[in-house]
Amino acid sequence: MDSGMIGKIQKARFYAEEPERICFEQFRATFQGTNSRHTISYDHGGWHCTCNFFASRGVCSHTMAFERLLGAMLPPEARVPAEPAKKLA
């Protein structure tokens, strides 16, 4: 392997340790849920999932899982907090 490639591999390892260097603008992926497969997409701050829960709430376990996986690579507006737990009377 040439020295130029070795340098690029070392640089890639360094970059991978700093995920905040990356900021996703858009992507599309499939997510195999417990019962079925869903399409998840992200476009400039907006999430979308083909599951029924997302259709009614605008957030779901699939999009929240992506938020956890991608973490610092998402801009702040993409990190949608889950609804707070409701107090029992």
PDB file of N, CA and C in Angstrom:
ATOM      1  N   MET A   1       0.848  -1.174   0.000  1.00  0.00           N
ATOM      2  CA  MET A   1       0.000   0.000   0.000  1.00  0.00           C
ATOM      3  C   MET A   1       0.895   1.239   0.000  1.00  0.00           C
ATOM      4  N   ASP A   2       0.526   2.241  -0.781  1.00  0.00           N
ATOM      5  CA  ASP A   2       1.366   3.435  -0.862  1.00  0.00           C
ATOM      6  C   ASP A   2       1.152   4.361   0.332  1.00  0.00           C
ATOM      7  N   SER A   3       2.118   5.224   0.585  1.00  0.00           N
ATOM      8  CA  SER A   3       2.074   6.110   1.755  1.00  0.00           C
ATOM      9  C   SER A   3       0.904   7.094   1.693  1.00  0.00           C
ATOM     10  N   GLY A   4       0.502   7.479   0.487  1.00  0.00           N
ATOM     11  CA  GLY A   4      -0.649   8.377   0.357  1.00  0.00           C
ATOM     12  C   GLY A   4      -1.923   7.737   0.869  1.00  0.00           C
ATOM     13  N   MET A   5      -2.127   6.453   0.559  1.00  0.00           N
ATOM     14  CA  MET A   5      -3.311   5.739   1.023  1.00  0.00           C
ATOM     15  C   MET A   5      -3.260   5.534   2.533  1.00  0.00           C
ATOM     16  N   ILE A   6      -2.106   5.243   3.073  1.00  0.00           N
ATOM     17  CA  ILE A   6      -1.954   5.065   4.522  1.00  0.00           C
ATOM     18  C   ILE A   6      -2.349   6.346   5.241  1.00  0.00           C
ATOM     19  N   GLY A   7      -1.909   7.481   4.712  1.00  0.00           N
ATOM     20  CA  GLY A   7      -2.275   8.773   5.300  1.00  0.00           C
ATOM     21  C   GLY A   7      -3.776   9.011   5.267  1.00  0.00           C
ATOM     22  N   LYS A   8      -4.430   8.623   4.179  1.00  0.00           N
ATOM     23  CA  LYS A   8      -5.883   8.809   4.059  1.00  0.00           C
ATOM     24  C   LYS A   8      -6.634   7.907   5.034  1.00  0.00           C
ATOM     25  N   ILE A   9      -6.139   6.692   5.235  1.00  0.00           N
ATOM     26  CA  ILE A   9      -6.767   5.781   6.194  1.00  0.00           C
ATOM     27  C   ILE A   9      -6.650   6.340   7.609  1.00  0.00           C
ATOM     28  N   GLN A  10      -5.482   6.860   7.953  1.00  0.00           N
ATOM     29  CA  GLN A  10      -5.292   7.461   9.276  1.00  0.00           C
ATOM     30  C   GLN A  10      -6.199   8.680   9.464  1.00  0.00           C
ATOM     31  N   LYS A  11      -6.325   9.477   8.432  1.00  0.00           N
ATOM     32  CA  LYS A  11      -7.177  10.664   8.500  1.00  0.00           C
ATOM     33  C   LYS A  11      -8.645  10.254   8.646  1.00  0.00           C
ATOM     34  N   ALA A  12      -9.057   9.210   7.951  1.00  0.00           N
ATOM     35  CA  ALA A  12     -10.434   8.711   8.062  1.00  0.00           C
ATOM     36  C   ALA A  12     -10.726   8.246   9.484  1.00  0.00           C
ATOM     37  N   ARG A  13      -9.780   7.555  10.098  1.00  0.00           N
ATOM     38  CA  ARG A  13      -9.962   7.123  11.495  1.00  0.00           C
ATOM     39  C   ARG A  13     -10.121   8.320  12.417  1.00  0.00           C
ATOM     40  N   PHE A  14      -9.314   9.339  12.208  1.00  0.00           N
ATOM     41  CA  PHE A  14      -9.399  10.567  12.995  1.00  0.00           C
ATOM     42  C   PHE A  14     -10.766  11.226  12.817  1.00  0.00           C
ATOM     43  N   TYR A  15     -11.222  11.359  11.582  1.00  0.00           N
ATOM     44  CA  TYR A  15     -12.526  11.957  11.307  1.00  0.00           C
ATOM     45  C   TYR A  15     -13.658  11.150  11.951  1.00  0.00           C
ATOM     46  N   ALA A  16     -13.566   9.833  11.902  1.00  0.00           N
ATOM     47  CA  ALA A  16     -14.623   8.979  12.451  1.00  0.00           C
ATOM     48  C   ALA A  16     -14.774   9.157  13.961  1.00  0.00           C
ATOM     49  N   GLU A  17     -13.736   9.603  14.623  1.00  0.00           N
ATOM     50  CA  GLU A  17     -13.794   9.852  16.065  1.00  0.00           C
ATOM     51  C   GLU A  17     -14.436  11.193  16.390  1.00  0.00           C
ATOM     52  N   GLU A  18     -14.732  11.997  15.389  1.00  0.00           N
ATOM     53  CA  GLU A  18     -15.347  13.313  15.581  1.00  0.00           C
ATOM     54  C   GLU A  18     -16.579  13.447  14.688  1.00  0.00           C
ATOM     55  N   PRO A  19     -17.668  12.739  15.041  1.00  0.00           N
ATOM     56  CA  PRO A  19     -18.855  12.758  14.188  1.00  0.00           C
ATOM     57  C   PRO A  19     -19.490  14.145  14.042  1.00  0.00           C
ATOM     58  N   GLU A  20     -19.172  15.065  14.943  1.00  0.00           N
ATOM     59  CA  GLU A  20     -19.722  16.423  14.832  1.00  0.00           C
ATOM     60  C   GLU A  20     -19.206  17.158  13.597  1.00  0.00           C
ATOM     61  N   ARG A  21     -18.190  16.622  12.930  1.00  0.00           N
ATOM     62  CA  ARG A  21     -17.703  17.209  11.682  1.00  0.00           C
ATOM     63  C   ARG A  21     -18.703  17.012  10.539  1.00  0.00           C
ATOM     64  N   ILE A  22     -19.582  16.019  10.690  1.00  0.00           N
ATOM     65  CA  ILE A  22     -20.538  15.672   9.639  1.00  0.00           C
ATOM     66  C   ILE A  22     -21.891  16.260   9.987  1.00  0.00           C
ATOM     67  N   CYS A  23     -22.570  16.805   9.004  1.00  0.00           N
ATOM     68  CA  CYS A  23     -23.925  17.314   9.221  1.00  0.00           C
ATOM     69  C   CYS A  23     -24.794  16.867   8.046  1.00  0.00           C
ATOM     70  N   PHE A  24     -25.714  15.959   8.331  1.00  0.00           N
ATOM     71  CA  PHE A  24     -26.604  15.471   7.289  1.00  0.00           C
ATOM     72  C   PHE A  24     -27.576  16.562   6.869  1.00  0.00           C
ATOM     73  N   GLU A  25     -27.818  16.667   5.580  1.00  0.00           N
ATOM     74  CA  GLU A  25     -28.823  17.574   5.045  1.00  0.00           C
ATOM     75  C   GLU A  25     -30.046  16.786   4.600  1.00  0.00           C
ATOM     76  N   GLN A  26     -29.805  15.607   4.027  1.00  0.00           N
ATOM     77  CA  GLN A  26     -30.917  14.767   3.626  1.00  0.00           C
ATOM     78  C   GLN A  26     -30.449  13.325   3.430  1.00  0.00           C
ATOM     79  N   PHE A  27     -31.374  12.393   3.634  1.00  0.00           N
ATOM     80  CA  PHE A  27     -31.115  10.997   3.346  1.00  0.00           C
ATOM     81  C   PHE A  27     -32.431  10.239   3.350  1.00  0.00           C
ATOM     82  N   ARG A  28     -32.379   9.019   2.871  1.00  0.00           N
ATOM     83  CA  ARG A  28     -33.541   8.130   2.831  1.00  0.00           C
ATOM     84  C   ARG A  28     -33.033   6.729   3.150  1.00  0.00           C
ATOM     85  N   ALA A  29     -33.761   6.020   3.992  1.00  0.00           N
ATOM     86  CA  ALA A  29     -33.327   4.676   4.390  1.00  0.00           C
ATOM     87  C   ALA A  29     -34.537   3.812   4.686  1.00  0.00           C
ATOM     88  N   THR A  30     -34.327   2.518   4.661  1.00  0.00           N
ATOM     89  CA  THR A  30     -35.377   1.599   5.084  1.00  0.00           C
ATOM     90  C   THR A  30     -35.060   1.139   6.498  1.00  0.00           C
ATOM     91  N   PHE A  31     -36.104   0.891   7.250  1.00  0.00           N
ATOM     92  CA  PHE A  31     -35.979   0.491   8.646  1.00  0.00           C
ATOM     93  C   PHE A  31     -36.859  -0.742   8.838  1.00  0.00           C
ATOM     94  N   GLN A  32     -36.268  -1.830   9.250  1.00  0.00           N
ATOM     95  CA  GLN A  32     -37.040  -3.042   9.504  1.00  0.00           C
ATOM     96  C   GLN A  32     -37.543  -2.984  10.938  1.00  0.00           C
ATOM     97  N   GLY A  33     -38.816  -2.657  11.094  1.00  0.00           N
ATOM     98  CA  GLY A  33     -39.430  -2.615  12.407  1.00  0.00           C
ATOM     99  C   GLY A  33     -39.788  -4.008  12.881  1.00  0.00           C
ATOM    100  N   THR A  34     -40.448  -4.090  14.016  1.00  0.00           N
ATOM    101  CA  THR A  34     -40.848  -5.373  14.566  1.00  0.00           C
ATOM    102  C   THR A  34     -41.852  -6.077  13.662  1.00  0.00           C
ATOM    103  N   ASN A  35     -42.781  -5.315  13.097  1.00  0.00           N
ATOM    104  CA  ASN A  35     -43.847  -5.905  12.297  1.00  0.00           C
ATOM    105  C   ASN A  35     -43.720  -5.699  10.793  1.00  0.00           C
ATOM    106  N   SER A  36     -43.081  -4.629  10.387  1.00  0.00           N
ATOM    107  CA  SER A  36     -42.970  -4.363   8.954  1.00  0.00           C
ATOM    108  C   SER A  36     -41.813  -3.417   8.674  1.00  0.00           C
ATOM    109  N   ARG A  37     -41.557  -3.212   7.406  1.00  0.00           N
ATOM    110  CA  ARG A  37     -40.484  -2.330   6.955  1.00  0.00           C
ATOM    111  C   ARG A  37     -41.061  -0.941   6.693  1.00  0.00           C
ATOM    112  N   HIS A  38     -40.295   0.084   7.063  1.00  0.00           N
ATOM    113  CA  HIS A  38     -40.726   1.474   6.877  1.00  0.00           C
ATOM    114  C   HIS A  38     -39.646   2.247   6.134  1.00  0.00           C
ATOM    115  N   THR A  39     -40.058   3.271   5.439  1.00  0.00           N
ATOM    116  CA  THR A  39     -39.106   4.171   4.794  1.00  0.00           C
ATOM    117  C   THR A  39     -38.997   5.419   5.658  1.00  0.00           C
ATOM    118  N   ILE A  40     -37.779   5.727   6.041  1.00  0.00           N
ATOM    119  CA  ILE A  40     -37.488   6.912   6.849  1.00  0.00           C
ATOM    120  C   ILE A  40     -36.757   7.891   5.942  1.00  0.00           C
ATOM    121  N   SER A  41     -37.142   9.158   6.021  1.00  0.00           N
ATOM    122  CA  SER A  41     -36.401  10.162   5.269  1.00  0.00           C
ATOM    123  C   SER A  41     -36.184  11.398   6.127  1.00  0.00           C
ATOM    124  N   TYR A  42     -35.145  12.114   5.795  1.00  0.00           N
ATOM    125  CA  TYR A  42     -34.791  13.354   6.464  1.00  0.00           C
ATOM    126  C   TYR A  42     -34.412  14.344   5.385  1.00  0.00           C
ATOM    127  N   ASP A  43     -34.993  15.533   5.449  1.00  0.00           N
ATOM    128  CA  ASP A  43     -34.698  16.549   4.446  1.00  0.00           C
ATOM    129  C   ASP A  43     -34.650  17.914   5.105  1.00  0.00           C
ATOM    130  N   HIS A  44     -33.443  18.456   5.243  1.00  0.00           N
ATOM    131  CA  HIS A  44     -33.210  19.805   5.761  1.00  0.00           C
ATOM    132  C   HIS A  44     -34.047  20.113   7.007  1.00  0.00           C
ATOM    133  N   GLY A  45     -33.909  19.280   8.028  1.00  0.00           N
ATOM    134  CA  GLY A  45     -34.576  19.534   9.311  1.00  0.00           C
ATOM    135  C   GLY A  45     -35.887  18.816   9.497  1.00  0.00           C
ATOM    136  N   GLY A  46     -36.407  18.187   8.467  1.00  0.00           N
ATOM    137  CA  GLY A  46     -37.709  17.530   8.580  1.00  0.00           C
ATOM    138  C   GLY A  46     -37.622  16.018   8.429  1.00  0.00           C
ATOM    139  N   TRP A  47     -38.227  15.313   9.369  1.00  0.00           N
ATOM    140  CA  TRP A  47     -38.286  13.857   9.338  1.00  0.00           C
ATOM    141  C   TRP A  47     -39.571  13.389   8.692  1.00  0.00           C
ATOM    142  N   HIS A  48     -39.552  12.183   8.148  1.00  0.00           N
ATOM    143  CA  HIS A  48     -40.766  11.532   7.674  1.00  0.00           C
ATOM    144  C   HIS A  48     -40.578  10.024   7.816  1.00  0.00           C
ATOM    145  N   CYS A  49     -41.648   9.351   8.220  1.00  0.00           N
ATOM    146  CA  CYS A  49     -41.648   7.893   8.302  1.00  0.00           C
ATOM    147  C   CYS A  49     -42.985   7.414   7.769  1.00  0.00           C
ATOM    148  N   THR A  50     -42.978   6.264   7.140  1.00  0.00           N
ATOM    149  CA  THR A  50     -44.206   5.734   6.546  1.00  0.00           C
ATOM    150  C   THR A  50     -45.080   4.984   7.550  1.00  0.00           C
ATOM    151  N   CYS A  51     -44.691   4.927   8.826  1.00  0.00           N
ATOM    152  CA  CYS A  51     -45.516   4.208   9.807  1.00  0.00           C
ATOM    153  C   CYS A  51     -46.734   5.042  10.223  1.00  0.00           C
ATOM    154  N   ASN A  52     -47.739   4.364  10.723  1.00  0.00           N
ATOM    155  CA  ASN A  52     -48.977   5.030  11.132  1.00  0.00           C
ATOM    156  C   ASN A  52     -48.782   5.961  12.325  1.00  0.00           C
ATOM    157  N   PHE A  53     -47.917   5.592  13.263  1.00  0.00           N
ATOM    158  CA  PHE A  53     -47.698   6.428  14.438  1.00  0.00           C
ATOM    159  C   PHE A  53     -47.125   7.783  14.027  1.00  0.00           C
ATOM    160  N   PHE A  54     -46.179   7.783  13.101  1.00  0.00           N
ATOM    161  CA  PHE A  54     -45.605   9.045  12.635  1.00  0.00           C
ATOM    162  C   PHE A  54     -46.678   9.902  11.973  1.00  0.00           C
ATOM    163  N   ALA A  55     -47.569   9.290  11.232  1.00  0.00           N
ATOM    164  CA  ALA A  55     -48.628  10.041  10.546  1.00  0.00           C
ATOM    165  C   ALA A  55     -49.502  10.813  11.541  1.00  0.00           C
ATOM    166  N   SER A  56     -49.696  10.255  12.723  1.00  0.00           N
ATOM    167  CA  SER A  56     -50.556  10.931  13.700  1.00  0.00           C
ATOM    168  C   SER A  56     -49.787  11.813  14.680  1.00  0.00           C
ATOM    169  N   ARG A  57     -48.483  11.551  14.902  1.00  0.00           N
ATOM    170  CA  ARG A  57     -47.727  12.279  15.911  1.00  0.00           C
ATOM    171  C   ARG A  57     -46.561  13.116  15.393  1.00  0.00           C
ATOM    172  N   GLY A  58     -46.109  12.822  14.175  1.00  0.00           N
ATOM    173  CA  GLY A  58     -44.968  13.561  13.643  1.00  0.00           C
ATOM    174  C   GLY A  58     -43.633  13.109  14.208  1.00  0.00           C
ATOM    175  N   VAL A  59     -43.632  12.035  14.961  1.00  0.00           N
ATOM    176  CA  VAL A  59     -42.436  11.426  15.524  1.00  0.00           C
ATOM    177  C   VAL A  59     -42.771   9.960  15.776  1.00  0.00           C
ATOM    178  N   CYS A  60     -41.781   9.107  15.753  1.00  0.00           N
ATOM    179  CA  CYS A  60     -42.027   7.681  16.003  1.00  0.00           C
ATOM    180  C   CYS A  60     -40.743   7.022  16.496  1.00  0.00           C
ATOM    181  N   SER A  61     -40.852   5.763  16.874  1.00  0.00           N
ATOM    182  CA  SER A  61     -39.677   5.050  17.369  1.00  0.00           C
ATOM    183  C   SER A  61     -38.603   4.915  16.296  1.00  0.00           C
ATOM    184  N   HIS A  62     -39.009   4.872  15.049  1.00  0.00           N
ATOM    185  CA  HIS A  62     -38.047   4.728  13.951  1.00  0.00           C
ATOM    186  C   HIS A  62     -37.216   6.001  13.779  1.00  0.00           C
ATOM    187  N   THR A  63     -37.874   7.154  13.764  1.00  0.00           N
ATOM    188  CA  THR A  63     -37.134   8.415  13.623  1.00  0.00           C
ATOM    189  C   THR A  63     -36.304   8.687  14.879  1.00  0.00           C
ATOM    190  N   MET A  64     -36.846   8.342  16.054  1.00  0.00           N
ATOM    191  CA  MET A  64     -36.073   8.540  17.284  1.00  0.00           C
ATOM    192  C   MET A  64     -34.832   7.648  17.308  1.00  0.00           C
ATOM    193  N   ALA A  65     -34.935   6.438  16.765  1.00  0.00           N
ATOM    194  CA  ALA A  65     -33.775   5.550  16.691  1.00  0.00           C
ATOM    195  C   ALA A  65     -32.695   6.170  15.803  1.00  0.00           C
ATOM    196  N   PHE A  66     -33.101   6.752  14.671  1.00  0.00           N
ATOM    197  CA  PHE A  66     -32.125   7.412  13.792  1.00  0.00           C
ATOM    198  C   PHE A  66     -31.480   8.599  14.495  1.00  0.00           C
ATOM    199  N   GLU A  67     -32.258   9.357  15.256  1.00  0.00           N
ATOM    200  CA  GLU A  67     -31.711  10.489  15.993  1.00  0.00           C
ATOM    201  C   GLU A  67     -30.626  10.023  16.952  1.00  0.00           C
ATOM    202  N   ARG A  68     -30.878   8.910  17.634  1.00  0.00           N
ATOM    203  CA  ARG A  68     -29.882   8.371  18.565  1.00  0.00           C
ATOM    204  C   ARG A  68     -28.647   7.875  17.820  1.00  0.00           C
ATOM    205  N   LEU A  69     -28.847   7.197  16.705  1.00  0.00           N
ATOM    206  CA  LEU A  69     -27.725   6.670  15.941  1.00  0.00           C
ATOM    207  C   LEU A  69     -26.858   7.776  15.355  1.00  0.00           C
ATOM    208  N   LEU A  70     -27.485   8.810  14.832  1.00  0.00           N
ATOM    209  CA  LEU A  70     -26.752   9.864  14.129  1.00  0.00           C
ATOM    210  C   LEU A  70     -26.257  10.966  15.066  1.00  0.00           C
ATOM    211  N   GLY A  71     -26.919  11.150  16.198  1.00  0.00           N
ATOM    212  CA  GLY A  71     -26.482  12.081  17.236  1.00  0.00           C
ATOM    213  C   GLY A  71     -25.979  13.413  16.737  1.00  0.00           C
ATOM    214  N   ALA A  72     -24.704  13.670  16.983  1.00  0.00           N
ATOM    215  CA  ALA A  72     -24.094  14.964  16.678  1.00  0.00           C
ATOM    216  C   ALA A  72     -24.030  15.269  15.188  1.00  0.00           C
ATOM    217  N   MET A  73     -24.304  14.277  14.345  1.00  0.00           N
ATOM    218  CA  MET A  73     -24.252  14.515  12.900  1.00  0.00           C
ATOM    219  C   MET A  73     -25.527  15.179  12.385  1.00  0.00           C
ATOM    220  N   LEU A  74     -26.511  15.359  13.262  1.00  0.00           N
ATOM    221  CA  LEU A  74     -27.754  16.031  12.876  1.00  0.00           C
ATOM    222  C   LEU A  74     -27.739  17.458  13.383  1.00  0.00           C
ATOM    223  N   PRO A  75     -28.279  18.393  12.616  1.00  0.00           N
ATOM    224  CA  PRO A  75     -28.384  19.751  13.118  1.00  0.00           C
ATOM    225  C   PRO A  75     -29.406  19.804  14.260  1.00  0.00           C
ATOM    226  N   PRO A  76     -29.335  20.791  15.134  1.00  0.00           N
ATOM    227  CA  PRO A  76     -30.239  20.852  16.292  1.00  0.00           C
ATOM    228  C   PRO A  76     -31.724  20.734  15.944  1.00  0.00           C
ATOM    229  N   GLU A  77     -32.147  21.315  14.832  1.00  0.00           N
ATOM    230  CA  GLU A  77     -33.574  21.270  14.475  1.00  0.00           C
ATOM    231  C   GLU A  77     -34.039  19.854  14.114  1.00  0.00           C
ATOM    232  N   ALA A  78     -33.131  18.951  13.875  1.00  0.00           N
ATOM    233  CA  ALA A  78     -33.495  17.580  13.530  1.00  0.00           C
ATOM    234  C   ALA A  78     -33.685  16.701  14.754  1.00  0.00           C
ATOM    235  N   ARG A  79     -33.255  17.177  15.894  1.00  0.00           N
ATOM    236  CA  ARG A  79     -33.354  16.397  17.123  1.00  0.00           C
ATOM    237  C   ARG A  79     -34.661  16.741  17.824  1.00  0.00           C
ATOM    238  N   VAL A  80     -35.691  16.008  17.471  1.00  0.00           N
ATOM    239  CA  VAL A  80     -37.032  16.252  17.999  1.00  0.00           C
ATOM    240  C   VAL A  80     -37.183  15.519  19.320  1.00  0.00           C
ATOM    241  N   PRO A  81     -37.458  16.236  20.408  1.00  0.00           N
ATOM    242  CA  PRO A  81     -37.630  15.536  21.682  1.00  0.00           C
ATOM    243  C   PRO A  81     -38.932  14.741  21.694  1.00  0.00           C
ATOM    244  N   ALA A  82     -38.922  13.630  22.394  1.00  0.00           N
ATOM    245  CA  ALA A  82     -40.140  12.833  22.544  1.00  0.00           C
ATOM    246  C   ALA A  82     -41.118  13.610  23.422  1.00  0.00           C
ATOM    247  N   GLU A  83     -42.395  13.309  23.286  1.00  0.00           N
ATOM    248  CA  GLU A  83     -43.393  13.967  24.123  1.00  0.00           C
ATOM    249  C   GLU A  83     -43.129  13.646  25.576  1.00  0.00           C
ATOM    250  N   PRO A  84     -43.261  14.667  26.462  1.00  0.00           N
ATOM    251  CA  PRO A  84     -43.048  14.390  27.884  1.00  0.00           C
ATOM    252  C   PRO A  84     -44.157  13.486  28.420  1.00  0.00           C
ATOM    253  N   ALA A  85     -43.812  12.709  29.418  1.00  0.00           N
ATOM    254  CA  ALA A  85     -44.802  11.818  30.021  1.00  0.00           C
ATOM    255  C   ALA A  85     -45.900  12.658  30.683  1.00  0.00           C
ATOM    256  N   LYS A  86     -47.134  12.213  30.521  1.00  0.00           N
ATOM    257  CA  LYS A  86     -48.268  12.927  31.111  1.00  0.00           C
ATOM    258  C   LYS A  86     -48.418  12.504  32.569  1.00  0.00           C
ATOM    259  N   LYS A  87     -48.721  13.482  33.410  1.00  0.00           N
ATOM    260  CA  LYS A  87     -48.908  13.204  34.836  1.00  0.00           C
ATOM    261  C   LYS A  87     -50.222  12.467  35.044  1.00  0.00           C
ATOM    262  N   LEU A  88     -50.172  11.487  35.886  1.00  0.00           N
ATOM    263  CA  LEU A  88     -51.396  10.758  36.228  1.00  0.00           C
ATOM    264  C   LEU A  88     -52.122  11.517  37.330  1.00  0.00           C
ATOM    265  N   ALA A  89     -53.435  11.594  37.218  1.00  0.00           N
ATOM    266  CA  ALA A  89     -54.224  12.338  38.214  1.00  0.00           C
ATOM    267  C   ALA A  89     -54.437  11.529  39.464  1.00  0.00           C
TER     268      ALA A  89
END
